[in-house]
């Protein structure tokens, strides 16, 4: 697991918002699935340029299965 050096608000990534998020936004976990893995960010931190966490597909699957 590592933090990605990609810009936090990278519009080239296909960001998706959690289906459990509130309708007004701003309290979301966003993910972007790519061939290189899964990128995760906190929507509350987009404007501040917060970090992006990048994990491999196997690690992401293990996390989801454990939840």
PDB file of N, CA and C in Angstrom:
ATOM      1  N   UNK A   1       0.850  -1.161   0.000  1.00  0.00           N
ATOM      2  CA  UNK A   1       0.000   0.000   0.000  1.00  0.00           C
ATOM      3  C   UNK A   1       0.900   1.230   0.000  1.00  0.00           C
ATOM      4  N   UNK A   2       0.543   2.231  -0.798  1.00  0.00           N
ATOM      5  CA  UNK A   2       1.329   3.451  -0.833  1.00  0.00           C
ATOM      6  C   UNK A   2       0.460   4.644  -1.194  1.00  0.00           C
ATOM      7  N   UNK A   3       0.984   5.846  -0.977  1.00  0.00           N
ATOM      8  CA  UNK A   3       0.265   7.032  -1.420  1.00  0.00           C
ATOM      9  C   UNK A   3       0.700   7.342  -2.834  1.00  0.00           C
ATOM     10  N   UNK A   4      -0.215   7.761  -3.612  1.00  0.00           N
ATOM     11  CA  UNK A   4       0.037   8.039  -5.017  1.00  0.00           C
ATOM     12  C   UNK A   4       0.516   9.480  -5.173  1.00  0.00           C
ATOM     13  N   UNK A   5       1.451   9.708  -6.084  1.00  0.00           N
ATOM     14  CA  UNK A   5       1.957  11.045  -6.330  1.00  0.00           C
ATOM     15  C   UNK A   5       1.063  11.827  -7.290  1.00  0.00           C
ATOM     16  N   UNK A   6       0.037  11.192  -7.808  1.00  0.00           N
ATOM     17  CA  UNK A   6      -0.891  11.852  -8.707  1.00  0.00           C
ATOM     18  C   UNK A   6      -1.584  12.992  -7.986  1.00  0.00           C
ATOM     19  N   UNK A   7      -1.887  14.062  -8.698  1.00  0.00           N
ATOM     20  CA  UNK A   7      -2.611  15.188  -8.096  1.00  0.00           C
ATOM     21  C   UNK A   7      -3.922  14.695  -7.508  1.00  0.00           C
ATOM     22  N   UNK A   8      -4.278  15.212  -6.350  1.00  0.00           N
ATOM     23  CA  UNK A   8      -5.454  14.746  -5.621  1.00  0.00           C
ATOM     24  C   UNK A   8      -6.720  14.865  -6.451  1.00  0.00           C
ATOM     25  N   UNK A   9      -6.873  15.935  -7.138  1.00  0.00           N
ATOM     26  CA  UNK A   9      -8.079  16.144  -7.923  1.00  0.00           C
ATOM     27  C   UNK A   9      -7.924  15.749  -9.372  1.00  0.00           C
ATOM     28  N   UNK A  10      -7.088  14.801  -9.672  1.00  0.00           N
ATOM     29  CA  UNK A  10      -6.814  14.375 -11.043  1.00  0.00           C
ATOM     30  C   UNK A  10      -8.113  14.008 -11.752  1.00  0.00           C
ATOM     31  N   UNK A  11      -8.507  14.826 -12.709  1.00  0.00           N
ATOM     32  CA  UNK A  11      -9.752  14.575 -13.428  1.00  0.00           C
ATOM     33  C   UNK A  11      -9.594  13.469 -14.465  1.00  0.00           C
ATOM     34  N   UNK A  12      -8.364  13.008 -14.700  1.00  0.00           N
ATOM     35  CA  UNK A  12      -8.151  11.921 -15.640  1.00  0.00           C
ATOM     36  C   UNK A  12      -8.515  10.570 -15.041  1.00  0.00           C
ATOM     37  N   UNK A  13      -8.645  10.507 -13.729  1.00  0.00           N
ATOM     38  CA  UNK A  13      -9.055   9.259 -13.090  1.00  0.00           C
ATOM     39  C   UNK A  13     -10.573   9.196 -13.027  1.00  0.00           C
ATOM     40  N   UNK A  14     -11.141   8.003 -13.187  1.00  0.00           N
ATOM     41  CA  UNK A  14     -12.608   7.849 -13.167  1.00  0.00           C
ATOM     42  C   UNK A  14     -13.149   7.753 -11.734  1.00  0.00           C
ATOM     43  N   UNK A  15     -13.189   8.879 -11.007  1.00  0.00           N
ATOM     44  CA  UNK A  15     -13.612   8.879  -9.608  1.00  0.00           C
ATOM     45  C   UNK A  15     -15.087   8.529  -9.476  1.00  0.00           C
ATOM     46  N   UNK A  16     -15.396   7.654  -8.515  1.00  0.00           N
ATOM     47  CA  UNK A  16     -16.774   7.256  -8.197  1.00  0.00           C
ATOM     48  C   UNK A  16     -17.013   7.549  -6.723  1.00  0.00           C
ATOM     49  N   UNK A  17     -18.218   7.978  -6.408  1.00  0.00           N
ATOM     50  CA  UNK A  17     -18.589   8.288  -5.030  1.00  0.00           C
ATOM     51  C   UNK A  17     -19.319   7.099  -4.430  1.00  0.00           C
ATOM     52  N   UNK A  18     -19.087   6.848  -3.173  1.00  0.00           N
ATOM     53  CA  UNK A  18     -19.740   5.754  -2.468  1.00  0.00           C
ATOM     54  C   UNK A  18     -21.259   5.883  -2.530  1.00  0.00           C
ATOM     55  N   UNK A  19     -21.935   4.779  -2.698  1.00  0.00           N
ATOM     56  CA  UNK A  19     -23.405   4.783  -2.716  1.00  0.00           C
ATOM     57  C   UNK A  19     -23.977   5.068  -1.338  1.00  0.00           C
ATOM     58  N   UNK A  20     -23.153   5.020  -0.298  1.00  0.00           N
ATOM     59  CA  UNK A  20     -23.592   5.313   1.065  1.00  0.00           C
ATOM     60  C   UNK A  20     -23.404   6.780   1.440  1.00  0.00           C
ATOM     61  N   UNK A  21     -22.939   7.595   0.512  1.00  0.00           N
ATOM     62  CA  UNK A  21     -22.688   9.004   0.794  1.00  0.00           C
ATOM     63  C   UNK A  21     -23.991   9.777   0.896  1.00  0.00           C
ATOM     64  N   UNK A  22     -23.935  10.907   1.600  1.00  0.00           N
ATOM     65  CA  UNK A  22     -25.112  11.763   1.683  1.00  0.00           C
ATOM     66  C   UNK A  22     -25.344  12.431   0.348  1.00  0.00           C
ATOM     67  N   UNK A  23     -26.568  12.812   0.086  1.00  0.00           N
ATOM     68  CA  UNK A  23     -26.920  13.450  -1.176  1.00  0.00           C
ATOM     69  C   UNK A  23     -26.255  14.792  -1.396  1.00  0.00           C
ATOM     70  N   UNK A  24     -25.883  15.482  -0.317  1.00  0.00           N
ATOM     71  CA  UNK A  24     -25.275  16.807  -0.450  1.00  0.00           C
ATOM     72  C   UNK A  24     -23.778  16.732  -0.737  1.00  0.00           C
ATOM     73  N   UNK A  25     -23.195  15.559  -0.639  1.00  0.00           N
ATOM     74  CA  UNK A  25     -21.769  15.385  -0.921  1.00  0.00           C
ATOM     75  C   UNK A  25     -20.904  15.900   0.208  1.00  0.00           C
ATOM     76  N   UNK A  26     -19.599  15.843   0.017  1.00  0.00           N
ATOM     77  CA  UNK A  26     -18.660  16.356   0.997  1.00  0.00           C
ATOM     78  C   UNK A  26     -18.349  15.406   2.143  1.00  0.00           C
ATOM     79  N   UNK A  27     -19.011  14.283   2.208  1.00  0.00           N
ATOM     80  CA  UNK A  27     -18.759  13.291   3.256  1.00  0.00           C
ATOM     81  C   UNK A  27     -18.597  11.922   2.617  1.00  0.00           C
ATOM     82  N   UNK A  28     -17.744  11.863   1.621  1.00  0.00           N
ATOM     83  CA  UNK A  28     -17.679  10.673   0.793  1.00  0.00           C
ATOM     84  C   UNK A  28     -16.279  10.078   0.722  1.00  0.00           C
ATOM     85  N   UNK A  29     -16.257   8.794   0.524  1.00  0.00           N
ATOM     86  CA  UNK A  29     -15.048   8.112   0.106  1.00  0.00           C
ATOM     87  C   UNK A  29     -15.193   7.950  -1.396  1.00  0.00           C
ATOM     88  N   UNK A  30     -14.201   8.395  -2.125  1.00  0.00           N
ATOM     89  CA  UNK A  30     -14.228   8.278  -3.573  1.00  0.00           C
ATOM     90  C   UNK A  30     -13.157   7.289  -4.007  1.00  0.00           C
ATOM     91  N   UNK A  31     -13.480   6.488  -5.009  1.00  0.00           N
ATOM     92  CA  UNK A  31     -12.519   5.528  -5.529  1.00  0.00           C
ATOM     93  C   UNK A  31     -12.423   5.660  -7.040  1.00  0.00           C
ATOM     94  N   UNK A  32     -11.269   5.329  -7.555  1.00  0.00           N
ATOM     95  CA  UNK A  32     -11.043   5.284  -8.994  1.00  0.00           C
ATOM     96  C   UNK A  32     -10.356   3.954  -9.291  1.00  0.00           C
ATOM     97  N   UNK A  33     -10.990   3.140 -10.104  1.00  0.00           N
ATOM     98  CA  UNK A  33     -10.438   1.837 -10.483  1.00  0.00           C
ATOM     99  C   UNK A  33      -9.630   2.001 -11.764  1.00  0.00           C
ATOM    100  N   UNK A  34      -8.383   1.570 -11.717  1.00  0.00           N
ATOM    101  CA  UNK A  34      -7.522   1.636 -12.891  1.00  0.00           C
ATOM    102  C   UNK A  34      -6.815   0.298 -13.057  1.00  0.00           C
ATOM    103  N   UNK A  35      -6.139   0.135 -14.166  1.00  0.00           N
ATOM    104  CA  UNK A  35      -5.389  -1.101 -14.403  1.00  0.00           C
ATOM    105  C   UNK A  35      -4.282  -1.279 -13.364  1.00  0.00           C
ATOM    106  N   UNK A  36      -3.773  -0.175 -12.822  1.00  0.00           N
ATOM    107  CA  UNK A  36      -2.691  -0.238 -11.851  1.00  0.00           C
ATOM    108  C   UNK A  36      -3.130  -0.459 -10.420  1.00  0.00           C
ATOM    109  N   UNK A  37      -4.429  -0.413 -10.150  1.00  0.00           N
ATOM    110  CA  UNK A  37      -4.923  -0.608  -8.797  1.00  0.00           C
ATOM    111  C   UNK A  37      -6.122   0.263  -8.498  1.00  0.00           C
ATOM    112  N   UNK A  38      -6.366   0.487  -7.227  1.00  0.00           N
ATOM    113  CA  UNK A  38      -7.511   1.265  -6.779  1.00  0.00           C
ATOM    114  C   UNK A  38      -7.006   2.506  -6.050  1.00  0.00           C
ATOM    115  N   UNK A  39      -7.467   3.671  -6.471  1.00  0.00           N
ATOM    116  CA  UNK A  39      -7.103   4.946  -5.860  1.00  0.00           C
ATOM    117  C   UNK A  39      -8.261   5.352  -4.951  1.00  0.00           C
ATOM    118  N   UNK A  40      -7.947   5.795  -3.733  1.00  0.00           N
ATOM    119  CA  UNK A  40      -8.972   6.145  -2.750  1.00  0.00           C
ATOM    120  C   UNK A  40      -8.672   7.540  -2.217  1.00  0.00           C
ATOM    121  N   UNK A  41      -9.720   8.363  -2.075  1.00  0.00           N
ATOM    122  CA  UNK A  41      -9.544   9.695  -1.506  1.00  0.00           C
ATOM    123  C   UNK A  41     -10.772  10.089  -0.695  1.00  0.00           C
ATOM    124  N   UNK A  42     -10.599  11.097   0.138  1.00  0.00           N
ATOM    125  CA  UNK A  42     -11.659  11.644   0.970  1.00  0.00           C
ATOM    126  C   UNK A  42     -12.176  12.903   0.289  1.00  0.00           C
ATOM    127  N   UNK A  43     -13.457  12.935  -0.059  1.00  0.00           N
ATOM    128  CA  UNK A  43     -13.993  14.078  -0.803  1.00  0.00           C
ATOM    129  C   UNK A  43     -13.913  15.379  -0.023  1.00  0.00           C
ATOM    130  N   UNK A  44     -13.831  15.312   1.305  1.00  0.00           N
ATOM    131  CA  UNK A  44     -13.716  16.532   2.109  1.00  0.00           C
ATOM    132  C   UNK A  44     -12.365  17.199   1.910  1.00  0.00           C
ATOM    133  N   UNK A  45     -11.385  16.480   1.380  1.00  0.00           N
ATOM    134  CA  UNK A  45     -10.022  17.002   1.276  1.00  0.00           C
ATOM    135  C   UNK A  45      -9.605  17.334  -0.156  1.00  0.00           C
ATOM    136  N   UNK A  46     -10.531  17.256  -1.103  1.00  0.00           N
ATOM    137  CA  UNK A  46     -10.184  17.512  -2.497  1.00  0.00           C
ATOM    138  C   UNK A  46      -9.648  18.929  -2.676  1.00  0.00           C
ATOM    139  N   UNK A  47     -10.355  19.930  -2.136  1.00  0.00           N
ATOM    140  CA  UNK A  47      -9.956  21.325  -2.312  1.00  0.00           C
ATOM    141  C   UNK A  47      -8.605  21.622  -1.676  1.00  0.00           C
ATOM    142  N   UNK A  48      -8.251  20.912  -0.602  1.00  0.00           N
ATOM    143  CA  UNK A  48      -6.977  21.142   0.076  1.00  0.00           C
ATOM    144  C   UNK A  48      -5.821  20.372  -0.559  1.00  0.00           C
ATOM    145  N   UNK A  49      -6.107  19.601  -1.569  1.00  0.00           N
ATOM    146  CA  UNK A  49      -5.059  18.805  -2.199  1.00  0.00           C
ATOM    147  C   UNK A  49      -4.599  17.654  -1.337  1.00  0.00           C
ATOM    148  N   UNK A  50      -5.535  17.050  -0.619  1.00  0.00           N
ATOM    149  CA  UNK A  50      -5.226  15.935   0.271  1.00  0.00           C
ATOM    150  C   UNK A  50      -4.668  14.732  -0.461  1.00  0.00           C
ATOM    151  N   UNK A  51      -4.245  13.726   0.272  1.00  0.00           N
ATOM    152  CA  UNK A  51      -3.570  12.571  -0.321  1.00  0.00           C
ATOM    153  C   UNK A  51      -4.508  11.608  -1.051  1.00  0.00           C
ATOM    154  N   UNK A  52      -3.932  10.859  -1.933  1.00  0.00           N
ATOM    155  CA  UNK A  52      -4.613   9.756  -2.609  1.00  0.00           C
ATOM    156  C   UNK A  52      -3.900   8.483  -2.185  1.00  0.00           C
ATOM    157  N   UNK A  53      -4.654   7.523  -1.723  1.00  0.00           N
ATOM    158  CA  UNK A  53      -4.106   6.232  -1.338  1.00  0.00           C
ATOM    159  C   UNK A  53      -4.293   5.287  -2.513  1.00  0.00           C
ATOM    160  N   UNK A  54      -3.228   4.600  -2.904  1.00  0.00           N
ATOM    161  CA  UNK A  54      -3.323   3.639  -4.003  1.00  0.00           C
ATOM    162  C   UNK A  54      -3.001   2.257  -3.458  1.00  0.00           C
ATOM    163  N   UNK A  55      -3.916   1.304  -3.691  1.00  0.00           N
ATOM    164  CA  UNK A  55      -3.703  -0.075  -3.262  1.00  0.00           C
ATOM    165  C   UNK A  55      -3.897  -0.997  -4.462  1.00  0.00           C
ATOM    166  N   UNK A  56      -3.309  -2.158  -4.373  1.00  0.00           N
ATOM    167  CA  UNK A  56      -3.469  -3.147  -5.423  1.00  0.00           C
ATOM    168  C   UNK A  56      -4.880  -3.736  -5.416  1.00  0.00           C
ATOM    169  N   UNK A  57      -5.262  -4.303  -6.509  1.00  0.00           N
ATOM    170  CA  UNK A  57      -6.612  -4.884  -6.628  1.00  0.00           C
ATOM    171  C   UNK A  57      -6.858  -5.989  -5.613  1.00  0.00           C
ATOM    172  N   UNK A  58      -5.863  -6.824  -5.351  1.00  0.00           N
ATOM    173  CA  UNK A  58      -6.025  -7.917  -4.385  1.00  0.00           C
ATOM    174  C   UNK A  58      -6.236  -7.368  -2.977  1.00  0.00           C
ATOM    175  N   UNK A  59      -5.485  -6.335  -2.617  1.00  0.00           N
ATOM    176  CA  UNK A  59      -5.639  -5.730  -1.289  1.00  0.00           C
ATOM    177  C   UNK A  59      -7.007  -5.081  -1.145  1.00  0.00           C
ATOM    178  N   UNK A  60      -7.488  -4.428  -2.194  1.00  0.00           N
ATOM    179  CA  UNK A  60      -8.814  -3.802  -2.156  1.00  0.00           C
ATOM    180  C   UNK A  60      -9.895  -4.866  -1.990  1.00  0.00           C
ATOM    181  N   UNK A  61      -9.782  -5.944  -2.731  1.00  0.00           N
ATOM    182  CA  UNK A  61     -10.755  -7.035  -2.624  1.00  0.00           C
ATOM    183  C   UNK A  61     -10.756  -7.629  -1.218  1.00  0.00           C
ATOM    184  N   UNK A  62      -9.576  -7.810  -0.630  1.00  0.00           N
ATOM    185  CA  UNK A  62      -9.477  -8.344   0.724  1.00  0.00           C
ATOM    186  C   UNK A  62     -10.136  -7.406   1.731  1.00  0.00           C
ATOM    187  N   UNK A  63      -9.937  -6.102   1.560  1.00  0.00           N
ATOM    188  CA  UNK A  63     -10.584  -5.127   2.450  1.00  0.00           C
ATOM    189  C   UNK A  63     -12.094  -5.224   2.350  1.00  0.00           C
ATOM    190  N   UNK A  64     -12.627  -5.261   1.149  1.00  0.00           N
ATOM    191  CA  UNK A  64     -14.071  -5.332   0.967  1.00  0.00           C
ATOM    192  C   UNK A  64     -14.656  -6.621   1.524  1.00  0.00           C
ATOM    193  N   UNK A  65     -13.943  -7.710   1.352  1.00  0.00           N
ATOM    194  CA  UNK A  65     -14.418  -8.996   1.885  1.00  0.00           C
ATOM    195  C   UNK A  65     -14.421  -9.003   3.418  1.00  0.00           C
ATOM    196  N   UNK A  66     -13.482  -8.283   4.015  1.00  0.00           N
ATOM    197  CA  UNK A  66     -13.378  -8.236   5.473  1.00  0.00           C
ATOM    198  C   UNK A  66     -14.444  -7.343   6.106  1.00  0.00           C
ATOM    199  N   UNK A  67     -15.047  -6.477   5.315  1.00  0.00           N
ATOM    200  CA  UNK A  67     -16.026  -5.527   5.862  1.00  0.00           C
ATOM    201  C   UNK A  67     -17.367  -6.159   6.054  1.00  0.00           C
TER     202      UNK A  67
END
